[in-house]
Every structure is written in structure tokens, then in C-alpha cells.
N, C-alpha and C. Protein backbone atom coordinates (compact mmCIF):
# COMPACT_ATOMS: atom_id res chain seq x y z
N MET A 1 235.99 139.86 9.19
CA MET A 1 236.55 140.51 8.04
C MET A 1 236.29 139.66 6.80
N SER A 2 236.19 140.28 5.68
CA SER A 2 235.89 139.56 4.45
C SER A 2 237.12 138.86 3.90
N ASN A 3 236.99 138.36 2.71
CA ASN A 3 238.09 137.61 2.09
C ASN A 3 239.30 138.47 1.77
N ASN A 4 239.11 139.75 1.55
CA ASN A 4 240.22 140.61 1.20
C ASN A 4 240.75 141.31 2.45
N ILE A 5 241.66 140.64 3.12
CA ILE A 5 242.19 141.13 4.40
C ILE A 5 242.83 142.49 4.25
N GLU A 6 243.57 142.69 3.17
CA GLU A 6 244.26 143.97 2.98
C GLU A 6 243.27 145.14 2.97
N ASN A 7 242.17 144.99 2.22
CA ASN A 7 241.17 146.06 2.16
C ASN A 7 240.51 146.28 3.51
N ASP A 8 240.22 145.20 4.22
CA ASP A 8 239.57 145.33 5.53
C ASP A 8 240.46 146.05 6.52
N VAL A 9 241.74 145.70 6.55
CA VAL A 9 242.67 146.36 7.46
C VAL A 9 242.78 147.84 7.10
N PHE A 10 242.93 148.14 5.83
CA PHE A 10 243.06 149.53 5.39
C PHE A 10 241.78 150.32 5.68
N ASN A 11 240.62 149.75 5.42
CA ASN A 11 239.36 150.45 5.68
C ASN A 11 239.15 150.73 7.16
N LYS A 12 239.50 149.79 8.02
CA LYS A 12 239.38 150.01 9.46
C LYS A 12 240.32 151.13 9.90
N TYR A 13 241.54 151.11 9.38
CA TYR A 13 242.51 152.17 9.67
C TYR A 13 241.95 153.54 9.24
N LEU A 14 241.39 153.60 8.04
CA LEU A 14 240.83 154.87 7.55
C LEU A 14 239.67 155.35 8.42
N GLU A 15 238.82 154.42 8.86
CA GLU A 15 237.70 154.78 9.74
C GLU A 15 238.21 155.41 11.03
N ILE A 16 239.21 154.80 11.63
CA ILE A 16 239.77 155.31 12.88
C ILE A 16 240.45 156.65 12.66
N LYS A 17 241.26 156.75 11.61
CA LYS A 17 241.99 158.00 11.35
C LYS A 17 241.02 159.14 11.07
N GLN A 18 239.98 158.89 10.31
CA GLN A 18 239.00 159.93 10.01
C GLN A 18 238.35 160.45 11.28
N ASP A 19 237.99 159.55 12.18
CA ASP A 19 237.39 159.95 13.45
C ASP A 19 238.36 160.79 14.27
N LEU A 20 239.59 160.36 14.35
CA LEU A 20 240.58 161.09 15.14
C LEU A 20 240.90 162.46 14.53
N VAL A 21 241.07 162.53 13.23
CA VAL A 21 241.38 163.81 12.58
C VAL A 21 240.20 164.78 12.72
N ASN A 22 238.98 164.26 12.64
CA ASN A 22 237.81 165.12 12.80
C ASN A 22 237.67 165.67 14.22
N ASN A 23 238.31 165.02 15.17
CA ASN A 23 238.19 165.42 16.57
C ASN A 23 239.53 165.81 17.19
N LEU A 24 240.45 166.32 16.40
CA LEU A 24 241.79 166.64 16.89
C LEU A 24 241.79 167.53 18.12
N THR A 25 240.88 168.47 18.19
CA THR A 25 240.90 169.42 19.30
C THR A 25 240.49 168.79 20.63
N SER A 26 239.76 167.68 20.60
CA SER A 26 239.28 167.10 21.85
C SER A 26 239.97 165.79 22.24
N ILE A 27 240.81 165.25 21.39
CA ILE A 27 241.39 163.93 21.65
C ILE A 27 242.16 163.90 22.97
N PHE A 28 243.02 164.85 23.20
CA PHE A 28 243.86 164.81 24.39
C PHE A 28 243.10 165.23 25.65
N ASN A 29 241.92 165.81 25.49
CA ASN A 29 241.06 166.10 26.64
C ASN A 29 240.23 164.87 27.02
N ARG A 30 240.12 163.92 26.11
CA ARG A 30 239.32 162.70 26.33
C ARG A 30 240.16 161.47 26.02
N GLN A 31 241.35 161.41 26.60
CA GLN A 31 242.29 160.34 26.30
C GLN A 31 241.72 158.95 26.58
N HIS A 32 241.11 158.76 27.71
CA HIS A 32 240.58 157.44 28.06
C HIS A 32 239.55 156.98 27.04
N TYR A 33 238.68 157.88 26.62
CA TYR A 33 237.65 157.54 25.64
C TYR A 33 238.28 157.07 24.32
N TYR A 34 239.20 157.85 23.79
CA TYR A 34 239.77 157.51 22.47
C TYR A 34 240.71 156.31 22.52
N THR A 35 241.40 156.10 23.61
CA THR A 35 242.28 154.93 23.67
C THR A 35 241.51 153.64 23.92
N HIS A 36 240.25 153.76 24.37
CA HIS A 36 239.44 152.57 24.61
C HIS A 36 238.30 152.40 23.60
N LYS A 37 238.05 153.41 22.78
CA LYS A 37 236.95 153.35 21.81
C LYS A 37 237.19 152.26 20.77
N TYR A 38 238.40 152.17 20.28
CA TYR A 38 238.72 151.20 19.24
C TYR A 38 239.48 150.05 19.87
N ARG A 39 238.86 148.90 19.88
CA ARG A 39 239.47 147.70 20.45
C ARG A 39 239.41 146.59 19.43
N GLY A 40 240.37 145.74 19.47
CA GLY A 40 240.36 144.58 18.60
C GLY A 40 239.54 143.46 19.19
N ASN A 41 239.64 142.32 18.56
CA ASN A 41 239.00 141.12 19.07
C ASN A 41 240.01 139.99 19.02
N ILE A 42 239.56 138.77 19.12
CA ILE A 42 240.49 137.65 19.17
C ILE A 42 241.29 137.51 17.87
N LEU A 43 240.75 138.01 16.75
CA LEU A 43 241.42 137.88 15.45
C LEU A 43 242.14 139.14 15.01
N THR A 44 241.69 140.28 15.48
CA THR A 44 242.21 141.56 14.99
C THR A 44 242.77 142.38 16.15
N ASP A 45 243.97 142.91 15.97
CA ASP A 45 244.62 143.75 16.97
C ASP A 45 244.45 145.20 16.53
N ILE A 46 243.80 146.01 17.36
CA ILE A 46 243.61 147.43 17.09
C ILE A 46 244.06 148.20 18.33
N ASN A 47 244.89 149.22 18.10
CA ASN A 47 245.40 150.01 19.22
C ASN A 47 245.50 151.46 18.81
N VAL A 48 244.99 152.34 19.67
CA VAL A 48 245.16 153.79 19.50
C VAL A 48 245.86 154.27 20.76
N SER A 49 247.01 154.93 20.59
CA SER A 49 247.73 155.45 21.75
C SER A 49 247.99 156.94 21.57
N LEU A 50 248.04 157.63 22.70
CA LEU A 50 248.28 159.07 22.73
C LEU A 50 249.47 159.33 23.63
N ASP A 51 250.36 160.21 23.17
CA ASP A 51 251.57 160.49 23.93
C ASP A 51 252.05 161.89 23.60
N TYR A 52 253.05 162.33 24.33
CA TYR A 52 253.68 163.63 24.08
C TYR A 52 255.11 163.39 23.63
N GLY A 53 255.53 164.14 22.62
CA GLY A 53 256.89 164.01 22.10
C GLY A 53 257.71 165.25 22.42
N PRO A 54 258.84 165.38 21.74
CA PRO A 54 259.70 166.56 21.96
C PRO A 54 258.97 167.84 21.56
N ASN A 55 259.38 168.92 22.16
CA ASN A 55 258.78 170.24 21.89
C ASN A 55 257.29 170.27 22.19
N ASN A 56 256.85 169.42 23.12
CA ASN A 56 255.43 169.34 23.51
C ASN A 56 254.52 168.94 22.35
N ASP A 57 255.09 168.22 21.36
CA ASP A 57 254.27 167.70 20.27
C ASP A 57 253.33 166.64 20.83
N LYS A 58 252.15 166.55 20.27
CA LYS A 58 251.20 165.51 20.64
C LYS A 58 251.28 164.41 19.59
N ILE A 59 251.46 163.18 20.06
CA ILE A 59 251.65 162.03 19.18
C ILE A 59 250.44 161.11 19.29
N ILE A 60 249.86 160.77 18.14
CA ILE A 60 248.73 159.84 18.07
C ILE A 60 249.18 158.67 17.21
N GLN A 61 249.09 157.47 17.76
CA GLN A 61 249.49 156.29 17.00
C GLN A 61 248.28 155.39 16.78
N ILE A 62 248.09 154.96 15.54
CA ILE A 62 247.02 154.03 15.16
C ILE A 62 247.68 152.76 14.66
N PHE A 63 247.26 151.62 15.16
CA PHE A 63 247.81 150.34 14.72
C PHE A 63 246.66 149.37 14.51
N VAL A 64 246.61 148.76 13.31
CA VAL A 64 245.59 147.76 12.99
C VAL A 64 246.30 146.57 12.36
N ARG A 65 246.02 145.36 12.89
CA ARG A 65 246.63 144.14 12.35
C ARG A 65 245.60 143.02 12.34
N HIS A 66 245.56 142.31 11.22
CA HIS A 66 244.75 141.10 11.12
C HIS A 66 245.59 140.06 10.41
N LYS A 67 245.72 138.91 11.06
CA LYS A 67 246.61 137.84 10.59
C LYS A 67 248.00 138.44 10.41
N ASN A 68 248.55 138.38 9.20
CA ASN A 68 249.91 138.89 9.01
C ASN A 68 249.94 140.24 8.29
N LYS A 69 248.80 140.90 8.15
CA LYS A 69 248.74 142.20 7.48
C LYS A 69 248.50 143.29 8.51
N TRP A 70 249.27 144.38 8.44
CA TRP A 70 249.16 145.44 9.43
C TRP A 70 249.45 146.80 8.81
N ILE A 71 248.97 147.82 9.51
CA ILE A 71 249.25 149.21 9.14
C ILE A 71 249.41 150.00 10.44
N ARG A 72 250.40 150.89 10.44
CA ARG A 72 250.66 151.74 11.61
C ARG A 72 250.85 153.16 11.12
N ASP A 73 250.24 154.09 11.80
CA ASP A 73 250.35 155.51 11.46
C ASP A 73 250.68 156.27 12.73
N VAL A 74 251.70 157.10 12.66
CA VAL A 74 252.06 157.97 13.77
C VAL A 74 251.81 159.40 13.32
N LEU A 75 250.78 160.02 13.90
CA LEU A 75 250.42 161.39 13.57
C LEU A 75 251.02 162.32 14.61
N THR A 76 251.51 163.44 14.17
CA THR A 76 252.09 164.42 15.08
C THR A 76 251.30 165.72 14.97
N MET A 77 250.95 166.26 16.13
CA MET A 77 250.31 167.57 16.20
C MET A 77 251.29 168.53 16.84
N ARG A 78 251.46 169.67 16.22
CA ARG A 78 252.35 170.70 16.75
C ARG A 78 251.57 172.01 16.81
N ASN A 79 251.66 172.67 17.96
CA ASN A 79 250.94 173.93 18.18
C ASN A 79 249.44 173.78 17.94
N GLY A 80 248.89 172.62 18.31
CA GLY A 80 247.46 172.39 18.20
C GLY A 80 246.94 172.06 16.82
N GLU A 81 247.84 171.89 15.86
CA GLU A 81 247.41 171.59 14.49
C GLU A 81 248.10 170.34 13.97
N TYR A 82 247.46 169.69 13.02
CA TYR A 82 248.01 168.52 12.37
C TYR A 82 249.33 168.91 11.70
N TYR A 83 250.38 168.14 11.97
CA TYR A 83 251.71 168.50 11.48
C TYR A 83 252.28 167.45 10.52
N ASN A 84 252.21 166.16 10.91
CA ASN A 84 252.89 165.14 10.13
C ASN A 84 252.21 163.79 10.35
N SER A 85 252.36 162.91 9.36
CA SER A 85 251.85 161.55 9.48
C SER A 85 252.88 160.61 8.86
N GLU A 86 253.25 159.58 9.60
CA GLU A 86 254.21 158.60 9.11
C GLU A 86 253.54 157.23 9.11
N VAL A 87 253.24 156.73 7.91
CA VAL A 87 252.52 155.47 7.76
C VAL A 87 253.51 154.37 7.36
N LYS A 88 253.40 153.25 8.06
CA LYS A 88 254.18 152.05 7.71
C LYS A 88 253.20 150.90 7.61
N THR A 89 253.42 150.01 6.64
CA THR A 89 252.52 148.89 6.43
C THR A 89 253.21 147.77 5.68
N ASN A 90 252.65 146.58 5.76
CA ASN A 90 253.10 145.48 4.92
C ASN A 90 251.95 144.97 4.07
N ILE A 91 250.92 145.78 3.91
CA ILE A 91 249.74 145.39 3.13
C ILE A 91 250.11 145.09 1.69
N TYR A 92 251.03 145.83 1.13
CA TYR A 92 251.34 145.67 -0.29
C TYR A 92 252.51 144.74 -0.56
N ASP A 93 253.03 144.09 0.48
CA ASP A 93 254.15 143.16 0.29
C ASP A 93 253.68 141.89 -0.36
């Protein structure tokens, strides 16, 4: 990652989210692929998880952390469509 950790973390998050949103219809049919496609390394923690919530909602969580900067997004799909996104981060602290 370059000198600007905040931008790098945010850009990686955007790359992952764009891929997932573009493939919403196939994500839960290819769970192993999407949960293993994005992996971190010794310096960067990257995690994509898929789960089911109440009312059979599909939950997609994206987490990216490098050093002490992180961003987490929990996307909810309801009735097969994008419903909600809850982003938490300490990038701007």
C-alpha cells in the first residue's frame, strides 16, 4: 500500500464492493468463491462473509483493515434486491 493508508483502504473496499454489487444475483450461489476471492496478506486484513439474517435477508459483510485504519460495510439484500448498507470506519478519525 502507498503512503496514504486511508485512501488505499477505501479504494480496496470500493473495489470489493463494486464486484459484489455487480454480481448480487450469483454471490450466494458461489459462496466459497466470493468468501475466498478477497484475502489479505501479512499487513492487510480483508474479509468477505455471507450470511442469512431475519426474514431470510441475505447479509454480505466486507471488512478491510491496514495498520490501525479500517472500514466495514454490512449490506443487506431483501427479496433478491439490494436493500441497505451500513458502513462503519475509523478512516476519518
